[in-house]
C-alpha atoms as a PDB file:
ATOM      1  CA  MET A   1       0.000   0.000   0.000  1.00  0.00           C
ATOM      2  CA  ASN A   2       1.005   3.625  -0.127  1.00  0.00           C
ATOM      3  CA  GLY A   3      -0.107   6.925   1.318  1.00  0.00           C
ATOM      4  CA  LEU A   4       1.043   9.672  -1.060  1.00  0.00           C
ATOM      5  CA  GLY A   5       3.888   7.456  -2.227  1.00  0.00           C
ATOM      6  CA  ASN A   6       5.023   6.581   1.303  1.00  0.00           C
ATOM      7  CA  ASP A   7       4.888   2.835   0.688  1.00  0.00           C
ATOM      8  CA  PHE A   8       4.357  -0.169   2.935  1.00  0.00           C
ATOM      9  CA  LEU A   9       4.568  -3.933   2.886  1.00  0.00           C
ATOM     10  CA  VAL A  10       1.562  -5.002   4.971  1.00  0.00           C
ATOM     11  CA  TRP A  11       1.314  -8.443   6.587  1.00  0.00           C
ATOM     12  CA  ASP A  12      -1.935  -9.813   8.007  1.00  0.00           C
ATOM     13  CA  ALA A  13      -0.691 -11.657  11.093  1.00  0.00           C
ATOM     14  CA  ARG A  14      -3.891 -11.737  13.109  1.00  0.00           C
ATOM     15  CA  ASP A  15      -4.341 -15.495  12.755  1.00  0.00           C
ATOM     16  CA  ASP A  16      -0.732 -16.609  12.297  1.00  0.00           C
ATOM     17  CA  ALA A  17       1.988 -14.835  14.273  1.00  0.00           C
ATOM     18  CA  LEU A  18       4.859 -13.465  12.211  1.00  0.00           C
ATOM     19  CA  ARG A  19       8.332 -12.637  13.477  1.00  0.00           C
ATOM     20  CA  LEU A  20      11.083 -11.802  10.983  1.00  0.00           C
ATOM     21  CA  THR A  21      14.600 -10.805  11.976  1.00  0.00           C
ATOM     22  CA  ASP A  22      15.890  -7.311  11.266  1.00  0.00           C
ATOM     23  CA  ASP A  23      18.193  -8.672   8.556  1.00  0.00           C
ATOM     24  CA  VAL A  24      15.350 -10.377   6.694  1.00  0.00           C
ATOM     25  CA  ILE A  25      13.176  -7.265   6.963  1.00  0.00           C
ATOM     26  CA  ALA A  26      16.046  -5.198   5.541  1.00  0.00           C
ATOM     27  CA  ALA A  27      16.461  -7.694   2.698  1.00  0.00           C
ATOM     28  CA  LEU A  28      12.756  -7.524   1.890  1.00  0.00           C
ATOM     29  CA  GLY A  29      12.936  -3.730   2.024  1.00  0.00           C
ATOM     30  CA  ASN A  30      15.778  -3.524  -0.501  1.00  0.00           C
ATOM     31  CA  ARG A  31      14.332  -1.939  -3.641  1.00  0.00           C
ATOM     32  CA  GLN A  32      16.871  -3.626  -5.923  1.00  0.00           C
ATOM     33  CA  THR A  33      16.730  -7.202  -4.628  1.00  0.00           C
ATOM     34  CA  GLY A  34      13.621  -7.359  -2.445  1.00  0.00           C
ATOM     35  CA  VAL A  35      10.027  -6.163  -2.452  1.00  0.00           C
ATOM     36  CA  GLY A  36      11.006  -2.623  -1.485  1.00  0.00           C
ATOM     37  CA  PHE A  37       9.190  -0.350   0.976  1.00  0.00           C
ATOM     38  CA  ASP A  38       9.620   2.538   3.385  1.00  0.00           C
ATOM     39  CA  GLN A  39       8.059   0.629   6.298  1.00  0.00           C
ATOM     40  CA  MET A  40       6.886  -2.920   6.929  1.00  0.00           C
ATOM     41  CA  ILE A  41       3.558  -3.098   8.764  1.00  0.00           C
ATOM     42  CA  THR A  42       2.394  -6.159  10.675  1.00  0.00           C
ATOM     43  CA  VAL A  43      -1.310  -6.185  11.543  1.00  0.00           C
ATOM     44  CA  GLU A  44      -1.808  -8.254  14.715  1.00  0.00           C
ATOM     45  CA  ARG A  45      -4.548  -8.924  17.214  1.00  0.00           C
ATOM     46  CA  SER A  46      -4.735  -6.130  19.778  1.00  0.00           C
ATOM     47  CA  PRO A  47      -3.831  -7.036  23.382  1.00  0.00           C
ATOM     48  CA  LEU A  48      -6.248  -4.280  24.423  1.00  0.00           C
ATOM     49  CA  GLY A  49      -9.105  -5.751  22.381  1.00  0.00           C
ATOM     50  CA  VAL A  50      -9.467  -2.908  19.854  1.00  0.00           C
ATOM     51  CA  ASP A  51      -9.692  -3.502  16.097  1.00  0.00           C
ATOM     52  CA  ALA A  52      -5.998  -4.331  15.582  1.00  0.00           C
ATOM     53  CA  PHE A  53      -2.440  -3.765  16.755  1.00  0.00           C
ATOM     54  CA  MET A  54      -0.071  -2.249  14.177  1.00  0.00           C
ATOM     55  CA  ARG A  55       3.643  -3.107  14.428  1.00  0.00           C
ATOM     56  CA  ILE A  56       5.986  -0.894  12.403  1.00  0.00           C
ATOM     57  CA  HIS A  57       9.485  -1.656  11.081  1.00  0.00           C
ATOM     58  CA  ASN A  58      11.596   0.656   8.948  1.00  0.00           C
ATOM     59  CA  CYS A  59      13.206  -0.674   5.775  1.00  0.00           C
ATOM     60  CA  ASP A  60      16.476  -1.126   7.704  1.00  0.00           C
ATOM     61  CA  GLY A  61      14.759  -3.509  10.124  1.00  0.00           C
ATOM     62  CA  SER A  62      14.529  -1.105  13.076  1.00  0.00           C
ATOM     63  CA  GLN A  63      11.201  -0.882  14.874  1.00  0.00           C
ATOM     64  CA  VAL A  64       9.440   2.469  15.426  1.00  0.00           C
ATOM     65  CA  ASP A  65       6.374   3.494  17.388  1.00  0.00           C
ATOM     66  CA  ALA A  66       4.375   5.643  14.961  1.00  0.00           C
ATOM     67  CA  CYS A  67       3.675   6.102  11.250  1.00  0.00           C
ATOM     68  CA  GLY A  68       0.792   8.357  10.286  1.00  0.00           C
ATOM     69  CA  ASN A  69       0.468   7.353   6.634  1.00  0.00           C
ATOM     70  CA  ALA A  70       0.552   3.665   7.563  1.00  0.00           C
ATOM     71  CA  THR A  71      -2.183   4.280  10.135  1.00  0.00           C
ATOM     72  CA  ARG A  72      -4.378   5.740   7.397  1.00  0.00           C
ATOM     73  CA  CYS A  73      -3.688   2.725   5.155  1.00  0.00           C
ATOM     74  CA  ILE A  74      -4.388   0.160   7.879  1.00  0.00           C
ATOM     75  CA  GLY A  75      -7.452   2.130   8.966  1.00  0.00           C
ATOM     76  CA  ARG A  76      -8.828   1.869   5.432  1.00  0.00           C
ATOM     77  CA  LEU A  77      -8.245  -1.911   5.306  1.00  0.00           C
ATOM     78  CA  LEU A  78      -9.912  -2.504   8.665  1.00  0.00           C
ATOM     79  CA  MET A  79     -12.904  -0.280   7.872  1.00  0.00           C
ATOM     80  CA  GLU A  80     -13.475  -1.931   4.494  1.00  0.00           C
ATOM     81  CA  GLU A  81     -13.218  -5.359   6.113  1.00  0.00           C
ATOM     82  CA  ALA A  82     -15.664  -4.515   8.911  1.00  0.00           C
ATOM     83  CA  GLY A  83     -17.979  -2.266   6.891  1.00  0.00           C
ATOM     84  CA  ALA A  84     -17.412   0.416   9.526  1.00  0.00           C
ATOM     85  CA  ASP A  85     -16.900   4.181   9.393  1.00  0.00           C
ATOM     86  CA  ALA A  86     -14.275   4.220  12.146  1.00  0.00           C
ATOM     87  CA  VAL A  87     -11.760   1.866  13.767  1.00  0.00           C
ATOM     88  CA  THR A  88      -9.311   2.009  16.656  1.00  0.00           C
ATOM     89  CA  ILE A  89      -5.718   0.913  16.066  1.00  0.00           C
ATOM     90  CA  GLU A  90      -3.299   0.087  18.871  1.00  0.00           C
ATOM     91  CA  THR A  91       0.338   1.114  18.332  1.00  0.00           C
ATOM     92  CA  ASN A  92       3.392   1.350  20.565  1.00  0.00           C
ATOM     93  CA  ALA A  93       2.680   5.104  20.638  1.00  0.00           C
ATOM     94  CA  GLY A  94      -0.870   4.571  21.944  1.00  0.00           C
ATOM     95  CA  LEU A  95      -4.376   4.181  20.535  1.00  0.00           C
ATOM     96  CA  LEU A  96      -5.186   5.930  17.251  1.00  0.00           C
ATOM     97  CA  ARG A  97      -8.652   6.419  15.774  1.00  0.00           C
ATOM     98  CA  ALA A  98      -9.160   6.298  12.001  1.00  0.00           C
ATOM     99  CA  TYR A  99     -12.254   7.627  10.201  1.00  0.00           C
ATOM    100  CA  SER A 100     -13.607   7.287   6.681  1.00  0.00           C
ATOM    101  CA  SER A 101     -13.995  10.414   4.559  1.00  0.00           C
ATOM    102  CA  LYS A 102     -16.528  11.595   2.010  1.00  0.00           C
ATOM    103  CA  LEU A 103     -13.809  11.312  -0.632  1.00  0.00           C
ATOM    104  CA  PRO A 104     -12.976   7.810  -1.997  1.00  0.00           C
ATOM    105  CA  ARG A 105      -9.919   6.140  -0.432  1.00  0.00           C
ATOM    106  CA  THR A 106      -9.366   9.177   1.791  1.00  0.00           C
ATOM    107  CA  ILE A 107      -8.875   8.524   5.496  1.00  0.00           C
ATOM    108  CA  THR A 108      -8.603  10.767   8.560  1.00  0.00           C
ATOM    109  CA  VAL A 109      -6.553   9.690  11.573  1.00  0.00           C
ATOM    110  CA  ASP A 110      -6.620  11.261  15.023  1.00  0.00           C
ATOM    111  CA  MET A 111      -2.910  11.283  15.888  1.00  0.00           C
ATOM    112  CA  GLY A 112      -3.482  12.492  19.455  1.00  0.00           C
ATOM    113  CA  GLU A 113      -1.714  15.362  21.174  1.00  0.00           C
ATOM    114  CA  PRO A 114       1.763  16.499  20.157  1.00  0.00           C
ATOM    115  CA  ARG A 115       4.486  16.291  22.789  1.00  0.00           C
ATOM    116  CA  LEU A 116       6.330  19.569  23.041  1.00  0.00           C
ATOM    117  CA  LEU A 117       8.538  19.473  26.145  1.00  0.00           C
ATOM    118  CA  TRP A 118      12.279  18.924  25.647  1.00  0.00           C
ATOM    119  CA  ASN A 119      12.285  15.631  27.574  1.00  0.00           C
ATOM    120  CA  GLN A 120       9.277  14.370  25.579  1.00  0.00           C
ATOM    121  CA  ILE A 121      10.961  14.824  22.187  1.00  0.00           C
ATOM    122  CA  PRO A 122      13.431  13.691  23.677  1.00  0.00           C
ATOM    123  CA  LEU A 123      16.480  15.980  23.621  1.00  0.00           C
ATOM    124  CA  ALA A 124      19.809  15.346  25.289  1.00  0.00           C
ATOM    125  CA  GLU A 125      19.733  18.720  27.049  1.00  0.00           C
ATOM    126  CA  GLU A 126      17.080  21.031  28.413  1.00  0.00           C
ATOM    127  CA  PHE A 127      15.441  23.689  26.240  1.00  0.00           C
ATOM    128  CA  HIS A 128      12.635  25.757  27.721  1.00  0.00           C
ATOM    129  CA  ASP A 129      11.312  26.750  24.271  1.00  0.00           C
ATOM    130  CA  THR A 130      11.162  23.938  21.698  1.00  0.00           C
ATOM    131  CA  ARG A 131       9.821  26.235  19.005  1.00  0.00           C
ATOM    132  CA  ALA A 132      13.474  26.953  18.142  1.00  0.00           C
ATOM    133  CA  ILE A 133      16.417  25.100  19.665  1.00  0.00           C
ATOM    134  CA  GLU A 134      20.136  25.801  19.343  1.00  0.00           C
ATOM    135  CA  LEU A 135      21.308  23.419  16.637  1.00  0.00           C
ATOM    136  CA  GLN A 136      23.115  24.075  13.393  1.00  0.00           C
ATOM    137  CA  ILE A 137      25.054  22.247  10.728  1.00  0.00           C
ATOM    138  CA  GLY A 138      27.877  23.853   8.756  1.00  0.00           C
ATOM    139  CA  PRO A 139      30.256  26.712   9.594  1.00  0.00           C
ATOM    140  CA  ILE A 140      29.474  28.638  12.793  1.00  0.00           C
ATOM    141  CA  ASP A 141      29.418  31.983  10.999  1.00  0.00           C
ATOM    142  CA  ASP A 142      27.479  30.680   7.986  1.00  0.00           C
ATOM    143  CA  PRO A 143      25.484  27.538   8.899  1.00  0.00           C
ATOM    144  CA  ILE A 144      23.737  25.502   6.225  1.00  0.00           C
ATOM    145  CA  LEU A 145      20.728  24.895   8.485  1.00  0.00           C
ATOM    146  CA  HIS A 146      20.010  26.148  11.986  1.00  0.00           C
ATOM    147  CA  THR A 147      17.488  26.696  14.801  1.00  0.00           C
ATOM    148  CA  PRO A 148      14.913  23.942  14.152  1.00  0.00           C
ATOM    149  CA  SER A 149      11.551  23.518  15.816  1.00  0.00           C
ATOM    150  CA  VAL A 150      11.141  20.132  17.527  1.00  0.00           C
ATOM    151  CA  VAL A 151       7.952  18.130  18.069  1.00  0.00           C
ATOM    152  CA  ASN A 152       7.170  14.539  19.035  1.00  0.00           C
ATOM    153  CA  MET A 153       4.217  12.974  17.181  1.00  0.00           C
ATOM    154  CA  GLY A 154       4.832   9.466  18.511  1.00  0.00           C
ATOM    155  CA  ASN A 155       8.385   9.833  17.150  1.00  0.00           C
ATOM    156  CA  PRO A 156      10.839  12.760  17.291  1.00  0.00           C
ATOM    157  CA  HIS A 157      10.889  15.439  14.574  1.00  0.00           C
ATOM    158  CA  ALA A 158      13.123  18.423  13.856  1.00  0.00           C
ATOM    159  CA  ILE A 159      11.834  21.039  11.405  1.00  0.00           C
ATOM    160  CA  PHE A 160      14.164  23.535   9.701  1.00  0.00           C
ATOM    161  CA  TRP A 161      12.399  26.563   8.209  1.00  0.00           C
ATOM    162  CA  VAL A 162      13.829  27.488   4.801  1.00  0.00           C
ATOM    163  CA  ASP A 163      12.921  29.562   1.738  1.00  0.00           C
ATOM    164  CA  ASP A 164      13.264  26.659  -0.704  1.00  0.00           C
ATOM    165  CA  VAL A 165      13.230  22.972   0.294  1.00  0.00           C
ATOM    166  CA  GLU A 166      14.990  22.031  -2.957  1.00  0.00           C
ATOM    167  CA  ALA A 167      17.947  24.331  -2.282  1.00  0.00           C
ATOM    168  CA  TYR A 168      19.460  21.867   0.211  1.00  0.00           C
ATOM    169  CA  ASP A 169      20.941  18.410  -0.216  1.00  0.00           C
ATOM    170  CA  LEU A 170      18.788  16.650   2.362  1.00  0.00           C
ATOM    171  CA  ALA A 171      20.229  13.266   1.350  1.00  0.00           C
ATOM    172  CA  THR A 172      23.601  14.494   2.666  1.00  0.00           C
ATOM    173  CA  VAL A 173      22.639  16.536   5.735  1.00  0.00           C
ATOM    174  CA  GLY A 174      19.701  14.317   6.736  1.00  0.00           C
ATOM    175  CA  PRO A 175      21.776  11.416   8.104  1.00  0.00           C
ATOM    176  CA  LEU A 176      24.060  13.799  10.003  1.00  0.00           C
ATOM    177  CA  LEU A 177      21.140  15.511  11.691  1.00  0.00           C
ATOM    178  CA  GLU A 178      19.209  12.268  12.275  1.00  0.00           C
ATOM    179  CA  HIS A 179      22.087  10.969  14.401  1.00  0.00           C
ATOM    180  CA  HIS A 180      23.102  14.267  16.024  1.00  0.00           C
ATOM    181  CA  PRO A 181      23.944  13.844  19.743  1.00  0.00           C
ATOM    182  CA  ILE A 182      21.131  16.238  20.689  1.00  0.00           C
ATOM    183  CA  PHE A 183      18.682  13.475  19.655  1.00  0.00           C
ATOM    184  CA  PRO A 184      19.372  10.435  21.882  1.00  0.00           C
ATOM    185  CA  GLU A 185      16.743   8.387  19.987  1.00  0.00           C
ATOM    186  CA  GLY A 186      17.522   9.916  16.578  1.00  0.00           C
ATOM    187  CA  ALA A 187      15.084  12.195  14.753  1.00  0.00           C
ATOM    188  CA  ASN A 188      13.134  12.656  11.558  1.00  0.00           C
ATOM    189  CA  ILE A 189      14.455  15.718   9.742  1.00  0.00           C
ATOM    190  CA  SER A 190      12.175  18.036   7.739  1.00  0.00           C
ATOM    191  CA  LEU A 191      12.754  21.092   5.589  1.00  0.00           C
ATOM    192  CA  ALA A 192       9.674  23.332   5.522  1.00  0.00           C
ATOM    193  CA  ASP A 193       8.762  26.372   3.424  1.00  0.00           C
ATOM    194  CA  VAL A 194       5.596  28.397   4.092  1.00  0.00           C
ATOM    195  CA  PHE A 195       4.720  29.594   0.589  1.00  0.00           C
ATOM    196  CA  GLY A 196       1.106  30.697   0.998  1.00  0.00           C
ATOM    197  CA  ARG A 197      -1.642  31.175   3.559  1.00  0.00           C
ATOM    198  CA  ASN A 198      -1.633  27.897   5.506  1.00  0.00           C
ATOM    199  CA  GLU A 199       0.251  26.222   2.643  1.00  0.00           C
ATOM    200  CA  ILE A 200       3.567  24.573   3.536  1.00  0.00           C
ATOM    201  CA  ARG A 201       5.973  22.680   1.295  1.00  0.00           C
ATOM    202  CA  VAL A 202       7.903  19.920   3.094  1.00  0.00           C
ATOM    203  CA  LYS A 203      10.716  17.504   2.313  1.00  0.00           C
ATOM    204  CA  VAL A 204      11.531  14.738   4.799  1.00  0.00           C
ATOM    205  CA  TRP A 205      14.471  12.554   5.781  1.00  0.00           C
ATOM    206  CA  GLU A 206      12.881   9.749   7.820  1.00  0.00           C
ATOM    207  CA  ARG A 207      14.734   8.150  10.696  1.00  0.00           C
ATOM    208  CA  GLY A 208      15.712   4.654   9.604  1.00  0.00           C
ATOM    209  CA  ALA A 209      14.205   5.028   6.115  1.00  0.00           C
ATOM    210  CA  GLY A 210      15.900   7.993   4.415  1.00  0.00           C
ATOM    211  CA  LEU A 211      14.253  10.260   1.859  1.00  0.00           C
ATOM    212  CA  THR A 212      10.571   9.407   1.451  1.00  0.00           C
ATOM    213  CA  ARG A 213       7.829  10.807  -0.757  1.00  0.00           C
ATOM    214  CA  ALA A 214       5.637  11.435   2.269  1.00  0.00           C
ATOM    215  CA  CYS A 215       5.702  11.145   6.049  1.00  0.00           C
ATOM    216  CA  GLY A 216       2.471  11.565   7.970  1.00  0.00           C
ATOM    217  CA  THR A 217       3.948  12.227  11.404  1.00  0.00           C
ATOM    218  CA  ALA A 218       6.335  14.762   9.843  1.00  0.00           C
ATOM    219  CA  ALA A 219       3.388  16.554   8.226  1.00  0.00           C
ATOM    220  CA  CYS A 220       1.673  16.686  11.627  1.00  0.00           C
ATOM    221  CA  ALA A 221       4.842  17.913  13.341  1.00  0.00           C
ATOM    222  CA  VAL A 222       5.358  20.648  10.732  1.00  0.00           C
ATOM    223  CA  ALA A 223       1.758  21.842  11.038  1.00  0.00           C
ATOM    224  CA  VAL A 224       1.985  21.994  14.840  1.00  0.00           C
ATOM    225  CA  ALA A 225       5.354  23.789  14.737  1.00  0.00           C
ATOM    226  CA  ALA A 226       4.032  26.299  12.179  1.00  0.00           C
ATOM    227  CA  ALA A 227       0.967  27.055  14.311  1.00  0.00           C
ATOM    228  CA  ARG A 228       3.050  27.445  17.487  1.00  0.00           C
ATOM    229  CA  ASP A 229       5.341  29.916  15.722  1.00  0.00           C
ATOM    230  CA  LYS A 230       2.445  31.822  14.058  1.00  0.00           C
ATOM    231  CA  ARG A 231       3.697  30.841  10.596  1.00  0.00           C
ATOM    232  CA  ALA A 232       0.280  29.293   9.848  1.00  0.00           C
ATOM    233  CA  GLY A 233      -3.096  28.707  11.447  1.00  0.00           C
ATOM    234  CA  ARG A 234      -4.221  25.548  13.199  1.00  0.00           C
ATOM    235  CA  THR A 235      -5.329  23.978   9.902  1.00  0.00           C
ATOM    236  CA  SER A 236      -2.849  23.810   7.035  1.00  0.00           C
ATOM    237  CA  VAL A 237      -2.146  21.877   3.858  1.00  0.00           C
ATOM    238  CA  ILE A 238       1.243  20.162   3.885  1.00  0.00           C
ATOM    239  CA  HIS A 239       2.607  19.608   0.377  1.00  0.00           C
ATOM    240  CA  LEU A 240       4.949  16.605   0.294  1.00  0.00           C
ATOM    241  CA  PRO A 241       6.679  15.195  -2.808  1.00  0.00           C
ATOM    242  CA  GLY A 242       3.950  12.522  -2.985  1.00  0.00           C
ATOM    243  CA  GLY A 243       1.028  14.911  -2.590  1.00  0.00           C
ATOM    244  CA  PRO A 244      -0.926  16.963  -0.011  1.00  0.00           C
ATOM    245  CA  LEU A 245      -2.090  16.154   3.506  1.00  0.00           C
ATOM    246  CA  THR A 246      -4.564  18.317   5.379  1.00  0.00           C
ATOM    247  CA  ILE A 247      -3.571  18.704   9.030  1.00  0.00           C
ATOM    248  CA  GLU A 248      -5.815  20.199  11.724  1.00  0.00           C
ATOM    249  CA  TRP A 249      -4.450  20.867  15.208  1.00  0.00           C
ATOM    250  CA  ARG A 250      -7.839  20.877  16.892  1.00  0.00           C
ATOM    251  CA  GLU A 251      -8.197  23.665  19.422  1.00  0.00           C
ATOM    252  CA  SER A 252     -10.797  21.927  21.593  1.00  0.00           C
ATOM    253  CA  ASP A 253      -8.511  19.120  22.752  1.00  0.00           C
ATOM    254  CA  ASP A 254      -5.133  19.762  21.028  1.00  0.00           C
ATOM    255  CA  HIS A 255      -5.454  16.535  19.016  1.00  0.00           C
ATOM    256  CA  VAL A 256      -3.890  16.468  15.551  1.00  0.00           C
ATOM    257  CA  LEU A 257      -6.107  15.211  12.701  1.00  0.00           C
ATOM    258  CA  MET A 258      -4.456  14.099   9.460  1.00  0.00           C
ATOM    259  CA  THR A 259      -6.445  13.552   6.246  1.00  0.00           C
ATOM    260  CA  GLY A 260      -5.179  12.174   2.949  1.00  0.00           C
ATOM    261  CA  ALA A 261      -5.488   9.537   0.230  1.00  0.00           C
ATOM    262  CA  THR A 262      -4.473   5.859   0.363  1.00  0.00           C
ATOM    263  CA  GLU A 263      -3.779   3.302  -2.359  1.00  0.00           C
ATOM    264  CA  ILE A 264      -3.531  -0.489  -2.532  1.00  0.00           C
ATOM    265  CA  GLU A 265      -0.700  -1.379  -4.931  1.00  0.00           C
ATOM    266  CA  TYR A 266      -1.217  -5.141  -5.101  1.00  0.00           C
ATOM    267  CA  GLU A 267      -1.925  -8.167  -2.919  1.00  0.00           C
ATOM    268  CA  GLY A 268      -0.095 -11.467  -2.801  1.00  0.00           C
ATOM    269  CA  GLU A 269       1.520 -14.184  -0.713  1.00  0.00           C
ATOM    270  CA  ILE A 270       5.108 -14.880   0.306  1.00  0.00           C
ATOM    271  CA  ASP A 271       6.125 -18.411   1.244  1.00  0.00           C
ATOM    272  CA  LEU A 272       8.575 -18.000   4.115  1.00  0.00           C
ATOM    273  CA  GLU A 273      10.491 -21.045   2.855  1.00  0.00           C
ATOM    274  CA  THR A 274      11.530 -18.971  -0.154  1.00  0.00           C
ATOM    275  CA  LEU A 275      13.259 -16.375   2.020  1.00  0.00           C
ATOM    276  CA  ASP A 276      16.666 -18.054   1.675  1.00  0.00           C
ATOM    277  CA  TRP A 277      17.514 -15.345  -0.850  1.00  0.00           C
ATOM    278  CA  ALA A 278      16.714 -12.747   1.806  1.00  0.00           C
ATOM    279  CA  ARG A 279      19.128 -14.321   4.265  1.00  0.00           C
ATOM    280  CA  THR A 280      21.813 -14.379   1.598  1.00  0.00           C
ATOM    281  CA  ALA A 281      21.150 -10.776   0.599  1.00  0.00           C
ATOM    282  CA  ALA A 282      21.351  -9.782   4.245  1.00  0.00           C
ATOM    283  CA  GLY A 283      24.701 -11.525   4.594  1.00  0.00           C
ATOM    284  CA  ASP A 284      23.498 -13.841   7.362  1.00  0.00           C
ATOM    285  CA  PRO A 285      23.394 -17.446   6.113  1.00  0.00           C
ATOM    286  CA  ALA A 286      22.721 -18.683   9.625  1.00  0.00           C
ATOM    287  CA  ASN A 287      19.528 -16.677  10.024  1.00  0.00           C
ATOM    288  CA  ASP A 288      16.503 -18.969  10.305  1.00  0.00           C
ATOM    289  CA  SER A 289      13.381 -17.588   8.629  1.00  0.00           C
ATOM    290  CA  SER A 290      11.630 -20.919   8.184  1.00  0.00           C
ATOM    291  CA  PRO A 291       7.875 -21.135   8.784  1.00  0.00           C
ATOM    292  CA  GLU A 292       8.571 -22.719  12.157  1.00  0.00           C
ATOM    293  CA  ALA A 293      10.809 -19.807  13.175  1.00  0.00           C
ATOM    294  CA  ALA A 294       8.160 -17.321  12.133  1.00  0.00           C
ATOM    295  CA  GLN A 295       5.472 -18.693  14.421  1.00  0.00           C
END
């Protein structure tokens, strides 16, 4: 599936448990030799008894707590399956509510409240005002990027405000900033340009995934940061390389609502016994991904 080009390999593991090693996930995520994806999503039975639990792995095999675009995609699948207008999805970041929209294949997700305190991001040192923290990359007297806003939307985000998102080599500076010591858990790095009334252009380097065509939590983080800094109102359209997302930071309860399109690319089956190639591609011939090991 994909949400604005942010693409996912989705497993239905509600009846049969699925556990793949990080190396096998990375091999599957390789766009040259594997299936290729930004994140791998495993839909499981919810321990809390809601509609489903959603487990999220990046294409490098690392596990993360939140993915807004994936939540919209899984919300669509669950609603279509149940014939419902809303579902609740359990994630490691908490419970998320997904709603159907009047537009075909368009889903709204309540992403909950943003976390704005320095130790909620988290940051390695205290900042009283997270609208703009002291961080720069490049020469001290002429930094390439500096003074980002930081927001946690289930995962940490740093937003650098620029005049042109294409004027920077995010593929080069993204990894440096993702692993900067100020972010003990790493961070998603966004470049954001407010180019119209409540219209923001964004380019994202995702933690553990790299450059992606869209990132839902980044869109939410940018919208919240823009509203906090009076760059935009509490509802804005975030223009990502894959398309637009409408983000509302609801004033009544501070919840962030994200609305956008979803697509199903194709459906199929993978026999786990055929994953020998994945072990070889991952450079781990001893890795056991047999059906028995996956139970």
